[in-house]
Protein backbone atom coordinates (compact mmCIF):
# COMPACT_ATOMS: atom_id res chain seq x y z
CA MET A 1 0.22 0.17 -0.52
CA SER A 2 2.87 2.15 0.91
CA SER A 3 4.26 2.38 -2.80
CA ALA A 4 0.62 3.67 -3.91
CA ARG A 5 0.63 6.82 -5.54
CA ILE A 6 -2.04 9.63 -5.06
CA LEU A 7 -3.36 12.60 -7.46
CA TYR A 8 -4.39 15.54 -5.65
CA ILE A 9 -6.61 18.50 -7.30
CA GLU A 10 -7.28 21.17 -4.46
CA ASP A 11 -7.23 25.07 -5.65
CA ASP A 12 -7.08 25.52 -1.76
CA HIS A 13 -2.78 25.80 -1.48
CA GLY A 14 -3.02 25.91 2.90
CA GLN A 15 -5.92 22.37 2.11
CA ALA A 16 -3.87 20.77 -0.56
CA ARG A 17 -0.60 20.97 1.07
CA LEU A 18 -2.16 19.82 4.56
CA PHE A 19 -3.46 16.63 2.57
CA GLN A 20 0.06 15.94 1.51
CA ARG A 21 1.57 15.86 4.29
CA LYS A 22 -0.93 13.96 6.58
CA LEU A 23 -0.90 10.87 2.92
CA GLU A 24 2.55 11.16 3.24
CA ARG A 25 3.36 10.54 6.50
CA ALA A 26 1.09 7.72 5.71
CA GLY A 27 3.49 6.55 3.23
CA TYR A 28 1.85 7.56 0.07
CA VAL A 29 3.16 9.33 -2.55
CA VAL A 30 1.66 12.25 -3.50
CA GLU A 31 1.04 14.99 -6.15
CA LEU A 32 -0.51 17.83 -6.77
CA ALA A 33 -2.60 19.79 -8.97
CA SER A 34 -4.07 23.03 -8.39
CA ASN A 35 -7.45 23.04 -11.71
CA GLY A 36 -8.70 20.38 -13.42
CA GLU A 37 -6.48 20.92 -16.13
CA GLU A 38 -3.28 20.56 -14.73
CA GLY A 39 -4.51 17.15 -13.07
CA LEU A 40 -5.52 16.03 -16.78
CA ASN A 41 -2.86 16.98 -18.15
CA LYS A 42 -0.82 14.82 -15.30
CA ALA A 43 -3.00 12.03 -14.58
CA ILE A 44 -2.68 10.98 -18.33
CA HIS A 45 1.16 11.93 -17.82
CA GLY A 46 1.67 9.66 -14.85
CA GLU A 47 0.81 6.41 -13.42
CA PHE A 48 -1.28 6.69 -10.32
CA ASP A 49 -3.74 4.66 -8.55
CA ILE A 50 -5.74 7.48 -7.13
CA VAL A 51 -7.39 10.71 -7.91
CA ALA A 52 -8.98 12.42 -4.72
CA THR A 53 -10.41 15.87 -7.06
CA ASP A 54 -12.54 18.91 -5.12
CA HIS A 55 -15.64 19.51 -7.34
CA GLU A 56 -15.78 23.18 -7.40
CA LEU A 57 -12.25 23.50 -9.48
CA PRO A 58 -10.98 26.51 -11.89
CA SER A 59 -11.29 25.47 -15.66
CA PHE A 60 -13.92 22.63 -15.02
CA ASP A 61 -14.97 20.96 -12.04
CA GLY A 62 -14.21 17.44 -10.67
CA MET A 63 -17.45 16.13 -12.47
CA GLU A 64 -16.47 16.59 -16.47
CA LEU A 65 -13.00 15.91 -15.27
CA LEU A 66 -14.10 12.72 -13.86
CA LYS A 67 -16.18 11.71 -17.96
CA LYS A 68 -12.46 13.28 -19.13
CA LEU A 69 -10.55 10.45 -17.12
CA ARG A 70 -12.70 8.19 -19.00
CA GLU A 71 -12.16 9.20 -22.52
CA VAL A 72 -9.20 9.18 -22.22
CA ILE A 73 -7.46 6.81 -20.37
CA ALA A 74 -8.15 3.05 -21.36
CA LYS A 75 -7.24 2.36 -17.64
CA PRO A 76 -8.00 5.26 -15.54
CA PRO A 77 -7.34 5.12 -11.91
CA ALA A 78 -10.56 5.85 -9.22
CA VAL A 79 -11.38 8.82 -8.22
CA ILE A 80 -12.88 10.17 -5.30
CA MET A 81 -14.72 13.01 -5.68
CA ILE A 82 -14.96 15.81 -2.24
CA THR A 83 -18.17 17.87 -2.66
CA GLY A 84 -18.71 20.63 -0.02
CA ALA A 85 -21.75 20.39 2.31
CA GLY A 86 -25.43 19.95 0.85
CA ASN A 87 -23.47 18.73 -2.00
CA GLU A 88 -24.57 15.13 -1.84
CA LYS A 89 -26.24 14.59 -4.99
CA ILE A 90 -23.49 15.50 -6.42
CA ALA A 91 -21.85 12.86 -4.62
CA VAL A 92 -24.00 10.33 -6.24
CA ALA A 93 -24.02 11.79 -9.78
CA ALA A 94 -20.29 10.96 -9.94
CA MET A 95 -20.49 7.77 -8.16
CA LYS A 96 -23.07 6.68 -10.62
CA GLU A 97 -20.32 8.15 -13.24
CA GLY A 98 -18.08 5.18 -11.92
CA ALA A 99 -16.56 7.78 -9.24
CA SER A 100 -14.56 4.89 -6.95
CA ASP A 101 -15.67 7.14 -3.68
CA TYR A 102 -16.85 10.17 -2.09
CA LEU A 103 -15.89 13.30 1.16
CA VAL A 104 -18.08 15.37 1.88
CA LYS A 105 -16.02 18.65 3.18
CA ASP A 106 -16.58 20.54 6.31
CA VAL A 107 -14.84 23.71 7.94
CA ASP A 108 -13.30 21.42 10.53
CA GLY A 109 -11.21 20.06 8.46
CA ARG A 110 -11.90 16.20 9.96
CA TYR A 111 -13.30 14.93 6.29
CA LEU A 112 -8.87 15.06 5.83
CA ALA A 113 -8.86 12.56 9.26
CA LEU A 114 -11.57 9.60 6.97
CA LEU A 115 -9.38 10.54 3.86
CA PRO A 116 -6.80 7.34 4.50
CA SER A 117 -9.08 5.22 5.50
CA VAL A 118 -11.32 6.26 1.87
CA ILE A 119 -7.78 5.54 0.41
CA ASP A 120 -6.41 1.77 2.54
CA LYS A 121 -10.45 0.75 1.19
CA ILE A 122 -10.22 1.73 -2.57
CA LEU A 123 -6.50 0.23 -2.45
CA GLN A 124 -7.79 -3.10 -1.16
CA GLN A 125 -10.70 -3.19 -3.75
CA LYS A 126 -8.54 -2.99 -6.49
CA GLN A 127 -5.61 -4.77 -4.85
CA LEU A 128 -9.14 -8.01 -4.88
CA ALA A 129 -9.58 -7.00 -8.68
CA ARG A 130 -6.38 -7.54 -10.08
CA GLU A 131 -6.29 -10.79 -7.56
CA LYS A 132 -10.54 -11.64 -8.97
CA ASP A 133 -8.80 -11.23 -13.18
CA LEU A 134 -5.42 -13.02 -12.44
CA VAL A 135 -8.13 -16.03 -11.79
CA THR A 136 -9.94 -15.20 -14.25
CA SER A 137 -7.14 -14.83 -16.76
CA ALA A 138 -6.34 -18.60 -14.77
CA LEU A 139 -9.36 -20.82 -15.30
CA LEU A 140 -9.74 -18.57 -19.61
CA GLN A 141 -6.02 -20.09 -20.29
CA SER A 142 -7.16 -23.50 -18.04
CA GLU A 143 -10.40 -23.43 -20.51
CA GLU A 144 -8.09 -22.66 -23.34
CA LYS A 145 -5.78 -25.43 -22.93
CA PHE A 146 -8.46 -28.24 -22.27
CA ARG A 147 -10.35 -27.18 -24.74
CA ALA A 148 -7.46 -27.74 -27.23
CA MET A 149 -6.35 -30.70 -25.44
CA PHE A 150 -10.58 -32.25 -25.85
CA GLU A 151 -10.68 -30.90 -29.79
CA HIS A 152 -7.72 -31.90 -30.73
CA SER A 153 -7.23 -35.86 -29.21
CA PRO A 154 -6.95 -38.46 -31.28
CA ILE A 155 -9.50 -40.67 -28.95
CA GLY A 156 -12.63 -39.64 -29.54
CA MET A 157 -13.65 -37.74 -25.76
CA VAL A 158 -17.65 -37.27 -23.83
CA ALA A 159 -19.34 -36.13 -21.43
CA CYS A 160 -22.34 -37.97 -19.71
CA GLN A 161 -24.77 -36.65 -18.02
CA GLU A 162 -27.24 -37.91 -15.50
CA ASN A 163 -29.62 -37.88 -17.61
CA GLY A 164 -27.95 -40.61 -19.88
CA PHE A 165 -28.34 -37.84 -22.59
CA MET A 166 -24.26 -36.89 -24.03
CA LEU A 167 -23.58 -33.41 -23.42
CA ASP A 168 -20.18 -32.66 -25.45
CA ALA A 169 -18.18 -34.77 -27.49
CA ASN A 170 -14.76 -33.81 -29.30
CA GLN A 171 -14.36 -34.11 -33.19
CA ALA A 172 -12.07 -37.04 -32.99
CA PHE A 173 -16.11 -38.78 -31.25
CA CYS A 174 -18.23 -37.07 -34.12
CA ARG A 175 -15.93 -38.69 -36.59
CA LEU A 176 -15.61 -42.37 -35.13
CA VAL A 177 -19.56 -42.05 -35.07
CA GLY A 178 -20.55 -40.34 -37.80
CA TYR A 179 -21.99 -37.62 -36.09
CA GLU A 180 -22.21 -33.92 -36.92
CA PRO A 181 -21.87 -31.54 -33.92
CA GLU A 182 -25.34 -29.85 -33.41
CA ASP A 183 -26.38 -33.88 -33.27
CA ILE A 184 -24.23 -34.80 -30.00
CA PRO A 185 -26.57 -33.50 -27.56
CA SER A 186 -29.78 -35.91 -28.28
CA LEU A 187 -27.47 -39.25 -28.25
CA LYS A 188 -28.04 -41.51 -24.91
CA CYS A 189 -24.54 -42.82 -23.26
CA TRP A 190 -25.83 -45.68 -21.58
CA PRO A 191 -27.80 -47.49 -24.54
CA LEU A 192 -23.70 -47.02 -26.56
CA ILE A 193 -22.40 -48.75 -23.77
CA LEU A 194 -24.00 -51.02 -22.35
CA GLY A 195 -25.46 -52.50 -25.71
CA LYS A 196 -29.59 -52.36 -25.50
CA GLU A 197 -31.81 -49.92 -24.25
CA GLY A 198 -33.57 -50.06 -21.14
CA GLN A 199 -30.25 -49.10 -19.39
CA THR A 200 -30.36 -46.96 -16.75
CA TYR A 201 -28.37 -44.24 -15.18
CA ASP A 202 -27.32 -46.81 -12.00
CA ASP A 203 -26.46 -50.06 -14.63
CA PHE A 204 -23.57 -47.76 -15.93
CA LEU A 205 -22.25 -46.38 -12.78
CA SER A 206 -22.93 -50.18 -12.02
CA LEU A 207 -19.77 -50.53 -14.42
CA PHE A 208 -17.59 -47.85 -11.86
CA ASP A 209 -15.04 -49.18 -9.42
CA GLU A 210 -15.29 -47.16 -6.01
CA HIS A 211 -13.37 -44.55 -7.00
CA GLY A 212 -15.11 -43.78 -9.75
CA ASN A 213 -12.85 -45.39 -12.44
CA LEU A 214 -14.53 -47.33 -15.58
CA SER A 215 -12.03 -49.93 -16.11
CA PRO A 216 -11.09 -50.43 -20.43
CA LEU A 217 -14.52 -52.21 -21.26
CA GLU A 218 -14.20 -53.36 -25.21
CA VAL A 219 -17.59 -53.22 -26.20
CA GLU A 220 -19.37 -52.32 -30.17
CA PHE A 221 -20.19 -48.92 -30.70
CA PRO A 222 -23.03 -48.43 -33.65
CA HIS A 223 -22.39 -45.61 -36.04
CA ARG A 224 -24.93 -43.47 -37.90
CA ASP A 225 -25.29 -45.69 -40.69
CA GLY A 226 -25.47 -48.53 -38.89
CA THR A 227 -22.64 -50.70 -38.39
CA MET A 228 -20.80 -51.47 -35.09
CA LEU A 229 -17.06 -50.41 -34.40
CA PRO A 230 -14.97 -52.38 -32.19
CA VAL A 231 -14.70 -49.81 -29.26
CA SER A 232 -12.45 -49.25 -25.93
CA VAL A 233 -14.60 -47.67 -23.59
CA THR A 234 -13.20 -46.31 -20.13
CA GLY A 235 -13.77 -42.97 -18.43
CA PHE A 236 -14.09 -41.56 -14.81
CA PHE A 237 -17.33 -40.26 -12.62
CA TYR A 238 -17.20 -37.08 -10.94
CA LYS A 239 -19.28 -34.25 -9.47
CA ASP A 240 -18.91 -30.30 -10.52
CA SER A 241 -18.60 -27.47 -8.09
CA ASP A 242 -22.29 -27.85 -7.57
CA GLY A 243 -22.98 -31.08 -6.59
CA LYS A 244 -23.87 -32.18 -10.48
CA PRO A 245 -23.03 -35.79 -10.68
CA PHE A 246 -20.68 -36.46 -14.72
CA VAL A 247 -18.62 -38.71 -16.40
CA TRP A 248 -16.04 -38.76 -19.22
CA LEU A 249 -15.76 -41.47 -21.41
CA PHE A 250 -12.39 -41.83 -23.54
CA VAL A 251 -13.26 -44.03 -27.18
CA GLU A 252 -10.88 -45.39 -29.15
CA ASP A 253 -11.54 -47.26 -32.20
CA LEU A 254 -10.48 -50.39 -31.90
CA ARG A 255 -10.89 -50.90 -35.71
CA SER A 256 -7.05 -51.57 -36.54
CA ARG A 257 -5.79 -52.78 -33.83
CA LYS A 258 -8.35 -56.26 -34.69
CA GLU A 259 -7.42 -56.09 -38.22
CA MET A 260 -3.74 -56.32 -37.00
CA GLU A 261 -5.13 -59.19 -34.42
CA LYS A 262 -6.46 -61.21 -37.21
CA ARG A 263 -4.07 -60.97 -39.64
CA LEU A 264 -1.10 -61.96 -36.76
CA MET A 265 -3.53 -65.16 -36.01
CA GLN A 266 -4.56 -65.87 -39.50
CA SER A 267 -0.31 -65.82 -39.49
CA SER A 268 -0.23 -68.33 -36.57
CA LYS A 269 -2.14 -70.54 -38.65
CA LEU A 270 -0.95 -70.36 -41.82
CA GLU A 271 2.65 -71.46 -40.14
CA ALA A 272 1.36 -73.70 -38.08
CA ILE A 273 0.19 -75.07 -41.20
CA GLY A 274 2.70 -75.02 -42.74
CA GLU A 275 5.26 -77.25 -40.17
CA LEU A 276 1.77 -79.68 -39.92
CA ALA A 277 2.78 -79.66 -44.03
CA ALA A 278 6.79 -79.99 -43.46
CA ASN A 279 6.04 -82.86 -41.36
CA ILE A 280 3.62 -84.70 -43.84
CA ALA A 281 6.29 -84.28 -46.95
CA HIS A 282 8.82 -85.73 -45.30
CA GLU A 283 7.42 -88.72 -43.93
CA MET A 284 6.00 -89.13 -47.59
CA ASN A 285 8.92 -87.94 -49.85
CA ASN A 286 10.81 -91.54 -49.56
CA PRO A 287 7.80 -93.53 -48.73
CA LEU A 288 6.65 -92.33 -52.61
CA GLY A 289 10.45 -92.67 -54.25
CA ILE A 290 10.46 -95.75 -52.93
CA ILE A 291 6.77 -96.57 -54.78
CA SER A 292 8.61 -94.88 -57.33
CA ALA A 293 11.81 -96.15 -57.62
CA LYS A 294 10.31 -99.69 -58.14
CA ALA A 295 7.45 -98.92 -60.47
CA ARG A 296 10.63 -97.39 -62.95
CA LEU A 297 12.67 -100.57 -62.30
CA LEU A 298 9.49 -103.53 -62.89
CA LEU A 299 8.63 -101.41 -66.15
CA PHE A 300 12.67 -101.46 -67.17
CA LYS A 301 13.25 -104.92 -66.56
CA GLU A 302 10.11 -106.82 -66.78
CA LYS A 303 8.20 -104.95 -70.10
CA ASP A 304 8.81 -107.73 -72.50
CA ASN A 305 7.80 -110.30 -70.00
CA MET A 306 4.65 -107.77 -69.19
CA SER A 307 0.72 -107.68 -70.77
CA ALA A 308 0.09 -104.27 -71.53
CA LYS A 309 -2.72 -103.72 -68.55
CA VAL A 310 0.66 -104.43 -66.36
CA GLU A 311 2.62 -101.76 -68.52
CA SER A 312 -0.67 -99.63 -67.92
CA GLU A 313 -1.55 -100.02 -64.86
CA LEU A 314 3.16 -99.57 -63.86
CA ASN A 315 2.90 -96.22 -65.72
CA LYS A 316 -0.40 -94.97 -63.80
CA ILE A 317 1.39 -95.36 -60.72
CA ILE A 318 4.43 -93.26 -61.74
CA GLU A 319 2.44 -90.58 -62.64
CA GLN A 320 0.41 -90.85 -59.69
CA THR A 321 4.18 -90.99 -57.38
CA ASP A 322 5.22 -87.92 -59.18
CA ARG A 323 2.08 -85.99 -58.73
CA LEU A 324 2.09 -86.60 -55.10
CA SER A 325 6.04 -86.14 -55.21
CA ARG A 326 5.74 -82.84 -56.25
CA LEU A 327 2.41 -81.86 -54.64
CA THR A 328 5.10 -82.76 -51.55
CA ARG A 329 8.10 -80.67 -53.02
CA GLY A 330 5.37 -77.65 -52.95
CA LEU A 331 4.62 -78.03 -48.60
CA LEU A 332 8.25 -78.31 -48.18
CA ASP A 333 8.29 -75.32 -50.11
CA TYR A 334 5.68 -73.55 -48.89
CA SER A 335 7.17 -74.73 -44.71
CA ARG A 336 10.65 -73.76 -44.63
CA PRO A 337 12.55 -70.81 -45.48
CA SER A 338 14.32 -70.23 -49.33
CA PHE A 339 17.69 -71.89 -49.33
CA GLY A 340 17.87 -70.15 -52.75
CA ARG A 341 20.90 -67.51 -52.98
CA LYS A 342 19.89 -64.37 -52.81
CA GLN A 343 21.66 -61.16 -53.86
CA THR A 344 20.77 -57.35 -54.85
CA VAL A 345 18.80 -57.71 -57.91
CA ASP A 346 15.95 -55.07 -59.37
CA LEU A 347 12.99 -56.85 -58.47
CA LEU A 348 11.81 -55.61 -61.22
CA SER A 349 13.59 -58.60 -63.89
CA PRO A 350 11.89 -60.92 -62.30
CA LEU A 351 8.40 -59.12 -63.15
CA ARG A 352 9.30 -58.35 -66.39
CA LYS A 353 10.11 -62.76 -66.74
CA ALA A 354 7.33 -63.45 -65.79
CA LEU A 355 4.83 -60.44 -67.95
CA ASP A 356 7.09 -62.31 -71.33
CA ILE A 357 5.89 -65.50 -69.81
CA VAL A 358 1.52 -64.42 -69.92
CA GLU A 359 1.90 -62.35 -73.10
CA TYR A 360 0.72 -64.85 -75.60
CA ARG A 361 -1.76 -65.90 -72.29
CA ALA A 362 -3.10 -61.89 -72.19
CA ARG A 363 -3.43 -61.39 -75.39
CA SER A 364 -5.46 -65.10 -76.91
CA GLN A 365 -7.58 -63.71 -73.30
CA ASN A 366 -8.18 -60.17 -74.80
CA VAL A 367 -7.35 -59.54 -71.51
CA THR A 368 -5.47 -56.08 -71.93
CA VAL A 369 -2.33 -55.89 -69.51
CA GLU A 370 -1.23 -52.31 -67.72
CA GLU A 371 1.34 -51.24 -66.51
CA GLU A 372 2.59 -48.96 -63.56
CA GLY A 373 5.40 -47.44 -62.45
CA LEU A 374 8.14 -49.89 -64.27
CA ASP A 375 10.23 -47.43 -65.41
CA SER A 376 12.52 -46.70 -61.49
CA PRO A 377 14.43 -50.03 -60.49
CA LEU A 378 13.21 -51.17 -56.84
CA VAL A 379 16.35 -52.62 -54.74
CA VAL A 380 15.57 -55.50 -52.58
CA HIS A 381 17.67 -59.04 -51.78
CA ALA A 382 16.25 -61.58 -53.22
CA ASN A 383 16.10 -64.67 -55.23
CA SER A 384 15.83 -63.93 -58.67
CA HIS A 385 14.28 -67.24 -59.66
CA GLU A 386 11.93 -67.06 -56.58
CA MET A 387 10.40 -64.05 -56.97
CA GLU A 388 9.77 -65.02 -60.49
CA GLN A 389 7.59 -68.00 -59.64
CA VAL A 390 5.55 -65.86 -56.88
CA PHE A 391 5.10 -63.45 -60.10
CA LEU A 392 3.96 -65.86 -62.50
CA ASN A 393 1.92 -67.23 -60.22
CA LEU A 394 -0.39 -64.04 -59.23
CA LEU A 395 -0.02 -63.51 -62.61
CA LEU A 396 -1.72 -66.63 -64.23
CA ASN A 397 -4.14 -66.63 -61.32
CA GLY A 398 -5.91 -63.03 -62.99
CA LEU A 399 -5.33 -64.27 -65.79
CA GLU A 400 -8.03 -67.35 -64.53
CA MET A 401 -9.74 -64.91 -62.76
CA MET A 402 -10.94 -62.97 -66.53
CA GLU A 403 -11.80 -65.96 -68.87
CA ASP A 404 -13.09 -63.08 -71.37
CA GLY A 405 -11.35 -60.47 -71.76
CA GLY A 406 -10.71 -57.98 -68.78
CA THR A 407 -8.11 -55.43 -67.64
CA LEU A 408 -4.86 -56.50 -65.57
CA THR A 409 -2.87 -54.09 -63.83
CA ILE A 410 0.90 -54.15 -62.36
CA LYS A 411 2.31 -51.52 -60.34
CA ALA A 412 5.13 -51.16 -58.51
CA GLY A 413 6.76 -48.28 -56.63
CA VAL A 414 7.74 -47.33 -53.02
CA LEU A 415 6.38 -47.09 -49.71
CA ASP A 416 7.17 -45.44 -45.90
CA ARG A 417 5.64 -48.34 -43.56
CA GLU A 418 9.14 -47.68 -41.37
CA GLY A 419 10.07 -44.53 -42.67
CA PRO A 420 11.26 -42.41 -45.61
CA ALA A 421 10.72 -45.68 -49.34
CA SER A 422 11.92 -48.11 -45.98
CA HIS A 423 9.81 -51.11 -48.73
CA VAL A 424 9.09 -51.40 -52.08
CA PHE A 425 5.73 -53.59 -53.31
CA VAL A 426 4.03 -55.01 -57.14
CA SER A 427 1.06 -55.59 -56.66
CA VAL A 428 -1.39 -56.93 -59.16
CA SER A 429 -5.04 -56.44 -59.94
CA ASP A 430 -7.36 -58.22 -61.88
CA THR A 431 -11.34 -56.80 -63.16
CA GLY A 432 -12.22 -60.72 -62.50
CA GLU A 433 -15.68 -60.86 -60.91
CA GLY A 434 -13.12 -61.10 -57.58
CA ILE A 435 -13.32 -62.83 -54.04
CA LEU A 436 -15.80 -63.51 -51.16
CA PRO A 437 -14.32 -62.46 -47.95
CA GLU A 438 -15.29 -65.64 -46.37
CA ILE A 439 -12.54 -66.62 -48.95
CA GLN A 440 -9.95 -64.33 -48.68
CA THR A 441 -8.43 -65.71 -45.00
CA LYS A 442 -7.94 -68.46 -46.73
CA ILE A 443 -7.13 -68.61 -50.08
CA PHE A 444 -3.35 -68.66 -48.32
CA GLU A 445 -3.27 -71.97 -46.44
CA PRO A 446 -1.94 -75.12 -48.10
CA PHE A 447 -4.95 -77.05 -50.24
CA PHE A 448 -7.91 -74.93 -50.61
CA THR A 449 -8.27 -73.78 -54.01
CA THR A 450 -11.80 -72.70 -55.16
CA LYS A 451 -11.06 -73.92 -58.42
CA GLU A 452 -13.18 -77.08 -60.07
CA GLU A 453 -11.06 -80.35 -59.93
CA GLY A 454 -8.43 -81.15 -61.64
CA ARG A 455 -7.26 -77.95 -62.24
CA GLY A 456 -5.30 -76.72 -59.23
CA THR A 457 -3.67 -78.49 -56.36
CA GLY A 458 -4.31 -75.36 -53.84
CA LEU A 459 -0.47 -74.61 -53.04
CA GLY A 460 0.29 -71.80 -55.47
CA LEU A 461 -0.64 -69.34 -53.31
CA SER A 462 0.28 -70.40 -50.36
CA ILE A 463 3.65 -71.17 -52.32
CA CYS A 464 3.87 -67.82 -52.88
CA PHE A 465 4.01 -66.74 -49.40
CA GLY A 466 5.92 -69.32 -47.85
CA LEU A 467 8.67 -67.60 -50.84
CA VAL A 468 7.46 -63.69 -49.68
CA ARG A 469 8.11 -64.71 -46.06
CA SER A 470 11.53 -65.79 -45.91
CA HIS A 471 12.30 -62.47 -48.61
CA GLN A 472 11.25 -61.03 -44.76
CA GLY A 473 8.60 -59.79 -47.00
CA THR A 474 4.77 -59.81 -46.76
CA ILE A 475 1.36 -60.44 -49.29
CA GLU A 476 -2.16 -60.05 -48.66
CA VAL A 477 -4.90 -59.80 -51.10
CA GLN A 478 -7.72 -56.98 -51.43
CA SER A 479 -10.60 -57.29 -53.32
CA VAL A 480 -14.50 -56.41 -53.85
CA PRO A 481 -16.47 -59.11 -54.92
CA GLY A 482 -17.35 -57.98 -58.21
CA GLU A 483 -14.91 -55.66 -58.80
CA GLY A 484 -11.67 -57.53 -58.90
CA ALA A 485 -8.19 -58.53 -56.47
CA THR A 486 -5.50 -57.27 -55.71
CA PHE A 487 -1.82 -59.06 -54.99
CA LEU A 488 -0.20 -56.62 -52.87
CA ILE A 489 3.66 -58.05 -51.80
CA VAL A 490 5.83 -55.46 -50.03
CA LEU A 491 9.83 -56.28 -48.91
CA PRO A 492 12.24 -54.54 -47.46
CA ASN A 493 13.64 -51.65 -50.08
CA GLN A 494 17.65 -52.00 -50.35
CA ALA A 495 18.11 -48.78 -51.68
CA LYS A 496 16.57 -46.20 -48.84
CA ASP A 497 19.75 -44.53 -49.49
């Protein structure tokens, strides 16, 4: 308080000096002005906490000074209006005009004794106002920070009222469920979380622990279009300053994670099948070799002594054992890592060799082959012959889906999966009938085929899967029934630098 600056405007020099000495003894810094114009000029150019002014002044009176101070100073100082006895109406008018307080002069000068206490009261009020402004400013900043976090959070956030209706939701939640922000107040929380209508607020609160927290709960959330979305919901219960209960919910989209889990399960399944297939292949190889060798030896040594029927049956045995041998070799190729020599190659080289092989068949089936991105080398560490086998299989499969003509599209390029240009890809797309969703998860399994009997063994794609995996790569299928299919091969890029 002692550092407060006071401007006292009084045309009576004696009273002004008396006022100044009294307040300076109290520790205030006091400046004097003898008329309204001088007082206004000092108030504009000085930084005063309080202006105490007599109403009767030369130049212009205290009321006009009060008005001018409010007009020319953005944050004018507090004003104490001092009036003569019998001029209480002027004091009231001054308070309406913005004065902080007033004093009435008396002939004995006792009003001067009251002035320090009035000043102290005003300074306390100003201090409280400053503290209130700081608190308000801090609250506004806190609210702005929360709102920024709320709106830009990648996880859906929802505030729910006791009546079950949503109070507010952020952009992430609106995008997830397909609703506009203005639709949110019409939505209920509990049916969405609990999965059916008829549930109450108490039913929902029963999911919270004794501390008011909701442990992560995996549920299916209804999208606006009717589809169900897998989400994880957590939250907490709280009451505002008025004791009104609310619930904050945090909703995380699990679609990507579920898809990843599905792929991991499929990969584990294929790996288990591969191990089983390898064991079967090993067990079959030796007996098949013996049967084939014995049949060939018998045919070679005793051909002149056997009937045509016996010769024919021996040839059938040889033919079928050879077929089984090819199957077992395919199983081994699928199940075990490639032992073929790998070196740095341009992935487009085996791809073009495979394209050359199917070129005639594509023309004969009236299939147009379109290429995109095959003009820049794609450097990988691979076995060129094995990758040629993979590409040839995919190209032939695509042609088989378009026996009446269509378009076979081959694309190649780089991907940023684990950093800039970390991987390369080759995709083969056809415009055939496509692949049903329930089949897409099985097509890489050994012996699974949709071809008619005698047209395939069901090992082609499974061998491709094994070969690509042995190159630390992935092979995926994307298809919409009626719109064709796309097989995507992704391999580590050896030319990242």
